[in-house]
C-alpha cells in the first residue's frame, strides 16, 4: 500500500545519499572527457541495480552470515562519513576518476554506490517495499533530469550554490545516519 509519508521520507534519504546535485562536478568532468553522457542508459541501469539489491541484498548478506541490522549499523557509519565530507568539504573516500563517461562510472558507483545500497537495506527494515520502489523511481527521474541538464545547472547554481546544497543535504544525511545507528544498534544488542 502506498503511504505518502514513507515515499517522501525514503525519497529524501535516497536523494541525500545519491547526492546527484553534489555529483554535478563529476558529471561535468565526465562529459568533458567523453563528450557525451548516456543519460538514459545510466539512469536505467542505476534503477535496475537499486531495485535488484532491494530484493536480493538481504539474501546476499545472509549468505555471508550478516543480518540487515548489522549491515545498517555499518552503513550508518559510511553515511556518517559521507555526511561529514559534504558538511566539512573534506575528502575521506578517494577513487581514481574514470577515464570514459559510460554506464559503469555513472550508474555504479556515482549513482548506485555503497551508500545507496546500505540505505536501501536500511529503508527496507523500516518501510514497505512498494514505497521504497516509488522513492527509487522518483530519484531516478531526478537523476535523469540532472544528467540531461548538468551543463545548464552548473551555470545556474555556480560553485557557491552547489556548495550550499551539498552542506544542507550533508546535515540531513548526518541526522539520517544517527537515526539508522540508534534504531539498528538497539536491535542488535536486544533493546
C-alpha atoms as a PDB file:
ATOM      1  CA  UNK A   1       0.000   0.000   0.000  1.00  0.00           C
ATOM      2  CA  UNK A   2       1.342   3.418  -0.974  1.00  0.00           C
ATOM      3  CA  UNK A   3       1.997   5.655   2.042  1.00  0.00           C
ATOM      4  CA  UNK A   4       2.924   9.190   1.000  1.00  0.00           C
ATOM      5  CA  UNK A   5       4.960   9.901   4.148  1.00  0.00           C
ATOM      6  CA  UNK A   6       7.103   6.787   3.607  1.00  0.00           C
ATOM      7  CA  UNK A   7       7.601   7.634  -0.079  1.00  0.00           C
ATOM      8  CA  UNK A   8       8.648  11.200   0.750  1.00  0.00           C
ATOM      9  CA  UNK A   9      10.976  10.138   3.570  1.00  0.00           C
ATOM     10  CA  UNK A  10      12.579   7.362   1.516  1.00  0.00           C
ATOM     11  CA  UNK A  11      12.908   9.767  -1.436  1.00  0.00           C
ATOM     12  CA  UNK A  12      14.688  12.343   0.722  1.00  0.00           C
ATOM     13  CA  UNK A  13      17.023   9.702   2.168  1.00  0.00           C
ATOM     14  CA  UNK A  14      17.941   8.410  -1.291  1.00  0.00           C
ATOM     15  CA  UNK A  15      18.258  11.935  -2.698  1.00  0.00           C
ATOM     16  CA  UNK A  16      20.680  12.857   0.073  1.00  0.00           C
ATOM     17  CA  UNK A  17      22.695   9.639  -0.282  1.00  0.00           C
ATOM     18  CA  UNK A  18      22.833   9.632  -4.088  1.00  0.00           C
ATOM     19  CA  UNK A  19      23.800  13.326  -3.886  1.00  0.00           C
ATOM     20  CA  UNK A  20      23.256  13.884  -7.589  1.00  0.00           C
ATOM     21  CA  UNK A  21      23.451  17.667  -7.109  1.00  0.00           C
ATOM     22  CA  UNK A  22      26.817  17.301  -5.396  1.00  0.00           C
ATOM     23  CA  UNK A  23      27.888  14.974  -8.210  1.00  0.00           C
ATOM     24  CA  UNK A  24      27.369  17.656 -10.860  1.00  0.00           C
ATOM     25  CA  UNK A  25      31.118  18.456 -10.905  1.00  0.00           C
ATOM     26  CA  UNK A  26      31.880  14.739 -11.510  1.00  0.00           C
ATOM     27  CA  UNK A  27      29.218  14.566 -14.235  1.00  0.00           C
ATOM     28  CA  UNK A  28      30.573  17.700 -15.925  1.00  0.00           C
ATOM     29  CA  UNK A  29      34.099  16.286 -15.795  1.00  0.00           C
ATOM     30  CA  UNK A  30      32.903  13.016 -17.359  1.00  0.00           C
ATOM     31  CA  UNK A  31      31.050  14.948 -20.059  1.00  0.00           C
ATOM     32  CA  UNK A  32      34.182  16.963 -20.864  1.00  0.00           C
ATOM     33  CA  UNK A  33      36.359  13.834 -21.105  1.00  0.00           C
ATOM     34  CA  UNK A  34      33.971  11.737 -23.186  1.00  0.00           C
ATOM     35  CA  UNK A  35      31.986  14.436 -24.957  1.00  0.00           C
ATOM     36  CA  UNK A  36      28.675  12.687 -24.204  1.00  0.00           C
ATOM     37  CA  UNK A  37      26.906  11.019 -21.310  1.00  0.00           C
ATOM     38  CA  UNK A  38      24.343   8.307 -21.934  1.00  0.00           C
ATOM     39  CA  UNK A  39      21.739   9.728 -19.528  1.00  0.00           C
ATOM     40  CA  UNK A  40      19.002   7.210 -20.346  1.00  0.00           C
ATOM     41  CA  UNK A  41      21.244   4.156 -20.048  1.00  0.00           C
ATOM     42  CA  UNK A  42      22.940   5.370 -16.849  1.00  0.00           C
ATOM     43  CA  UNK A  43      19.565   6.118 -15.228  1.00  0.00           C
ATOM     44  CA  UNK A  44      18.015   2.800 -16.253  1.00  0.00           C
ATOM     45  CA  UNK A  45      20.993   0.724 -15.108  1.00  0.00           C
ATOM     46  CA  UNK A  46      21.073   2.615 -11.781  1.00  0.00           C
ATOM     47  CA  UNK A  47      17.380   1.877 -11.224  1.00  0.00           C
ATOM     48  CA  UNK A  48      17.861  -1.797 -12.035  1.00  0.00           C
ATOM     49  CA  UNK A  49      20.843  -2.091  -9.685  1.00  0.00           C
ATOM     50  CA  UNK A  50      18.938  -0.441  -6.833  1.00  0.00           C
ATOM     51  CA  UNK A  51      15.753  -2.465  -7.277  1.00  0.00           C
ATOM     52  CA  UNK A  52      17.684  -5.733  -7.639  1.00  0.00           C
ATOM     53  CA  UNK A  53      19.675  -5.002  -4.478  1.00  0.00           C
ATOM     54  CA  UNK A  54      16.476  -4.082  -2.656  1.00  0.00           C
ATOM     55  CA  UNK A  55      15.108  -7.571  -3.409  1.00  0.00           C
ATOM     56  CA  UNK A  56      18.221  -9.760  -3.148  1.00  0.00           C
ATOM     57  CA  UNK A  57      20.526  -7.699  -0.935  1.00  0.00           C
ATOM     58  CA  UNK A  58      19.282  -9.363   2.237  1.00  0.00           C
ATOM     59  CA  UNK A  59      19.835 -12.837   0.755  1.00  0.00           C
ATOM     60  CA  UNK A  60      23.365 -11.869  -0.254  1.00  0.00           C
ATOM     61  CA  UNK A  61      24.016 -10.729   3.313  1.00  0.00           C
ATOM     62  CA  UNK A  62      22.621 -13.939   4.781  1.00  0.00           C
ATOM     63  CA  UNK A  63      24.926 -15.965   2.515  1.00  0.00           C
ATOM     64  CA  UNK A  64      27.896 -14.302   4.199  1.00  0.00           C
ATOM     65  CA  UNK A  65      26.344 -14.536   7.668  1.00  0.00           C
ATOM     66  CA  UNK A  66      25.175 -10.944   8.203  1.00  0.00           C
ATOM     67  CA  UNK A  67      21.771  -9.582   9.181  1.00  0.00           C
ATOM     68  CA  UNK A  68      20.149  -6.366   7.970  1.00  0.00           C
ATOM     69  CA  UNK A  69      20.605  -4.653  11.334  1.00  0.00           C
ATOM     70  CA  UNK A  70      24.368  -5.230  11.371  1.00  0.00           C
ATOM     71  CA  UNK A  71      24.610  -4.046   7.766  1.00  0.00           C
ATOM     72  CA  UNK A  72      22.519  -0.989   8.663  1.00  0.00           C
ATOM     73  CA  UNK A  73      24.809  -0.086  11.571  1.00  0.00           C
ATOM     74  CA  UNK A  74      27.859  -0.433   9.313  1.00  0.00           C
ATOM     75  CA  UNK A  75      26.046   1.537   6.629  1.00  0.00           C
ATOM     76  CA  UNK A  76      25.117   4.269   9.082  1.00  0.00           C
ATOM     77  CA  UNK A  77      28.824   4.765   9.734  1.00  0.00           C
ATOM     78  CA  UNK A  78      29.509   5.019   5.980  1.00  0.00           C
ATOM     79  CA  UNK A  79      26.648   7.521   5.647  1.00  0.00           C
ATOM     80  CA  UNK A  80      28.051   9.444   8.636  1.00  0.00           C
ATOM     81  CA  UNK A  81      31.414   9.807   6.898  1.00  0.00           C
ATOM     82  CA  UNK A  82      29.721  10.809   3.627  1.00  0.00           C
ATOM     83  CA  UNK A  83      27.779  13.473   5.535  1.00  0.00           C
ATOM     84  CA  UNK A  84      30.973  14.765   7.141  1.00  0.00           C
ATOM     85  CA  UNK A  85      32.561  15.043   3.698  1.00  0.00           C
ATOM     86  CA  UNK A  86      29.590  17.063   2.464  1.00  0.00           C
ATOM     87  CA  UNK A  87      29.410  19.349   5.509  1.00  0.00           C
ATOM     88  CA  UNK A  88      33.114  19.938   6.072  1.00  0.00           C
ATOM     89  CA  UNK A  89      34.188  19.928   2.423  1.00  0.00           C
ATOM     90  CA  UNK A  90      36.843  17.292   3.033  1.00  0.00           C
ATOM     91  CA  UNK A  91      37.578  14.055   1.161  1.00  0.00           C
ATOM     92  CA  UNK A  92      37.649  10.859   3.186  1.00  0.00           C
ATOM     93  CA  UNK A  93      36.889   8.459   0.334  1.00  0.00           C
ATOM     94  CA  UNK A  94      39.133   8.719  -2.698  1.00  0.00           C
ATOM     95  CA  UNK A  95      38.801   6.968  -6.013  1.00  0.00           C
ATOM     96  CA  UNK A  96      40.594   7.321  -9.316  1.00  0.00           C
ATOM     97  CA  UNK A  97      38.457   9.374 -11.706  1.00  0.00           C
ATOM     98  CA  UNK A  98      37.091   7.272 -14.555  1.00  0.00           C
ATOM     99  CA  UNK A  99      38.604   7.863 -17.971  1.00  0.00           C
ATOM    100  CA  UNK A 100      35.449   7.314 -20.017  1.00  0.00           C
ATOM    101  CA  UNK A 101      31.902   8.517 -19.322  1.00  0.00           C
ATOM    102  CA  UNK A 102      29.882   5.336 -19.526  1.00  0.00           C
ATOM    103  CA  UNK A 103      27.278   3.427 -17.580  1.00  0.00           C
ATOM    104  CA  UNK A 104      29.880   1.930 -15.229  1.00  0.00           C
ATOM    105  CA  UNK A 105      31.228   5.075 -13.564  1.00  0.00           C
ATOM    106  CA  UNK A 106      27.851   6.805 -13.557  1.00  0.00           C
ATOM    107  CA  UNK A 107      25.408   4.027 -12.686  1.00  0.00           C
ATOM    108  CA  UNK A 108      27.891   2.462 -10.293  1.00  0.00           C
ATOM    109  CA  UNK A 109      29.407   3.865  -8.123  1.00  0.00           C
ATOM    110  CA  UNK A 110      28.322   7.518  -8.636  1.00  0.00           C
ATOM    111  CA  UNK A 111      24.538   6.940  -8.551  1.00  0.00           C
ATOM    112  CA  UNK A 112      24.015   3.442  -7.130  1.00  0.00           C
ATOM    113  CA  UNK A 113      27.040   3.252  -4.861  1.00  0.00           C
ATOM    114  CA  UNK A 114      27.734   1.679  -1.489  1.00  0.00           C
ATOM    115  CA  UNK A 115      25.882   4.383   0.442  1.00  0.00           C
ATOM    116  CA  UNK A 116      22.800   3.891  -1.722  1.00  0.00           C
ATOM    117  CA  UNK A 117      22.873   0.119  -1.235  1.00  0.00           C
ATOM    118  CA  UNK A 118      23.229   0.497   2.511  1.00  0.00           C
ATOM    119  CA  UNK A 119      20.392   2.992   2.618  1.00  0.00           C
ATOM    120  CA  UNK A 120      18.113   0.711   0.607  1.00  0.00           C
ATOM    121  CA  UNK A 121      18.557  -2.150   3.058  1.00  0.00           C
ATOM    122  CA  UNK A 122      18.107   0.194   5.999  1.00  0.00           C
ATOM    123  CA  UNK A 123      14.930   1.600   4.449  1.00  0.00           C
ATOM    124  CA  UNK A 124      13.695  -1.920   3.803  1.00  0.00           C
ATOM    125  CA  UNK A 125      13.915  -2.615   7.533  1.00  0.00           C
ATOM    126  CA  UNK A 126      11.569   0.319   8.223  1.00  0.00           C
ATOM    127  CA  UNK A 127       9.304   0.894   5.189  1.00  0.00           C
ATOM    128  CA  UNK A 128       7.051  -1.003   2.799  1.00  0.00           C
ATOM    129  CA  UNK A 129       8.811  -2.274  -0.333  1.00  0.00           C
ATOM    130  CA  UNK A 130       6.373  -0.550  -2.728  1.00  0.00           C
ATOM    131  CA  UNK A 131       7.094   2.831  -1.128  1.00  0.00           C
ATOM    132  CA  UNK A 132      10.858   2.328  -1.456  1.00  0.00           C
ATOM    133  CA  UNK A 133      10.445   1.382  -5.130  1.00  0.00           C
ATOM    134  CA  UNK A 134       8.393   4.555  -5.652  1.00  0.00           C
ATOM    135  CA  UNK A 135      11.200   6.532  -3.994  1.00  0.00           C
ATOM    136  CA  UNK A 136      13.754   4.881  -6.303  1.00  0.00           C
ATOM    137  CA  UNK A 137      11.679   5.814  -9.360  1.00  0.00           C
ATOM    138  CA  UNK A 138      11.340   9.427  -8.158  1.00  0.00           C
ATOM    139  CA  UNK A 139      15.087   9.669  -7.601  1.00  0.00           C
ATOM    140  CA  UNK A 140      15.941   8.090 -10.945  1.00  0.00           C
ATOM    141  CA  UNK A 141      13.725  10.680 -12.667  1.00  0.00           C
ATOM    142  CA  UNK A 142      15.615  13.430 -10.825  1.00  0.00           C
ATOM    143  CA  UNK A 143      18.946  11.793 -11.734  1.00  0.00           C
ATOM    144  CA  UNK A 144      17.913  11.598 -15.399  1.00  0.00           C
ATOM    145  CA  UNK A 145      16.881  15.271 -15.483  1.00  0.00           C
ATOM    146  CA  UNK A 146      20.128  16.348 -13.834  1.00  0.00           C
ATOM    147  CA  UNK A 147      22.245  14.197 -16.154  1.00  0.00           C
ATOM    148  CA  UNK A 148      20.465  15.726 -19.148  1.00  0.00           C
ATOM    149  CA  UNK A 149      20.761  19.318 -17.895  1.00  0.00           C
ATOM    150  CA  UNK A 150      24.064  19.227 -15.983  1.00  0.00           C
ATOM    151  CA  UNK A 151      25.678  21.927 -18.109  1.00  0.00           C
ATOM    152  CA  UNK A 152      22.805  24.355 -17.587  1.00  0.00           C
ATOM    153  CA  UNK A 153      22.632  23.570 -13.865  1.00  0.00           C
ATOM    154  CA  UNK A 154      26.318  24.319 -13.453  1.00  0.00           C
ATOM    155  CA  UNK A 155      25.786  27.792 -14.910  1.00  0.00           C
ATOM    156  CA  UNK A 156      22.628  28.466 -12.849  1.00  0.00           C
ATOM    157  CA  UNK A 157      23.863  27.242  -9.447  1.00  0.00           C
ATOM    158  CA  UNK A 158      27.520  28.151  -9.679  1.00  0.00           C
ATOM    159  CA  UNK A 159      30.098  26.804  -7.248  1.00  0.00           C
ATOM    160  CA  UNK A 160      28.524  28.575  -4.272  1.00  0.00           C
ATOM    161  CA  UNK A 161      25.042  27.221  -4.963  1.00  0.00           C
ATOM    162  CA  UNK A 162      26.288  23.662  -5.342  1.00  0.00           C
ATOM    163  CA  UNK A 163      28.327  24.022  -2.131  1.00  0.00           C
ATOM    164  CA  UNK A 164      25.296  25.266  -0.163  1.00  0.00           C
ATOM    165  CA  UNK A 165      23.123  22.400  -1.422  1.00  0.00           C
ATOM    166  CA  UNK A 166      25.817  19.851  -0.511  1.00  0.00           C
ATOM    167  CA  UNK A 167      26.063  21.228   3.034  1.00  0.00           C
ATOM    168  CA  UNK A 168      22.277  21.223   3.574  1.00  0.00           C
ATOM    169  CA  UNK A 169      21.974  17.626   2.371  1.00  0.00           C
ATOM    170  CA  UNK A 170      25.051  16.739   4.404  1.00  0.00           C
ATOM    171  CA  UNK A 171      23.254  17.792   7.591  1.00  0.00           C
ATOM    172  CA  UNK A 172      20.161  15.810   6.577  1.00  0.00           C
ATOM    173  CA  UNK A 173      22.376  12.802   5.862  1.00  0.00           C
ATOM    174  CA  UNK A 174      24.093  13.172   9.245  1.00  0.00           C
ATOM    175  CA  UNK A 175      20.719  13.074  11.010  1.00  0.00           C
ATOM    176  CA  UNK A 176      19.724  10.012   8.981  1.00  0.00           C
ATOM    177  CA  UNK A 177      22.982   8.267   9.944  1.00  0.00           C
ATOM    178  CA  UNK A 178      22.366   8.931  13.633  1.00  0.00           C
ATOM    179  CA  UNK A 179      18.789   7.630  13.404  1.00  0.00           C
ATOM    180  CA  UNK A 180      19.848   4.482  11.498  1.00  0.00           C
ATOM    181  CA  UNK A 181      22.595   3.783  14.001  1.00  0.00           C
ATOM    182  CA  UNK A 182      20.371   4.293  17.047  1.00  0.00           C
ATOM    183  CA  UNK A 183      17.490   2.213  15.646  1.00  0.00           C
ATOM    184  CA  UNK A 184      19.580  -0.734  14.494  1.00  0.00           C
ATOM    185  CA  UNK A 185      22.204  -0.923  17.248  1.00  0.00           C
ATOM    186  CA  UNK A 186      19.334  -1.314  19.726  1.00  0.00           C
ATOM    187  CA  UNK A 187      18.026  -4.291  17.749  1.00  0.00           C
ATOM    188  CA  UNK A 188      21.471  -5.918  17.683  1.00  0.00           C
ATOM    189  CA  UNK A 189      22.019  -5.671  21.423  1.00  0.00           C
ATOM    190  CA  UNK A 190      18.417  -6.694  22.179  1.00  0.00           C
ATOM    191  CA  UNK A 191      16.696  -3.486  23.334  1.00  0.00           C
END
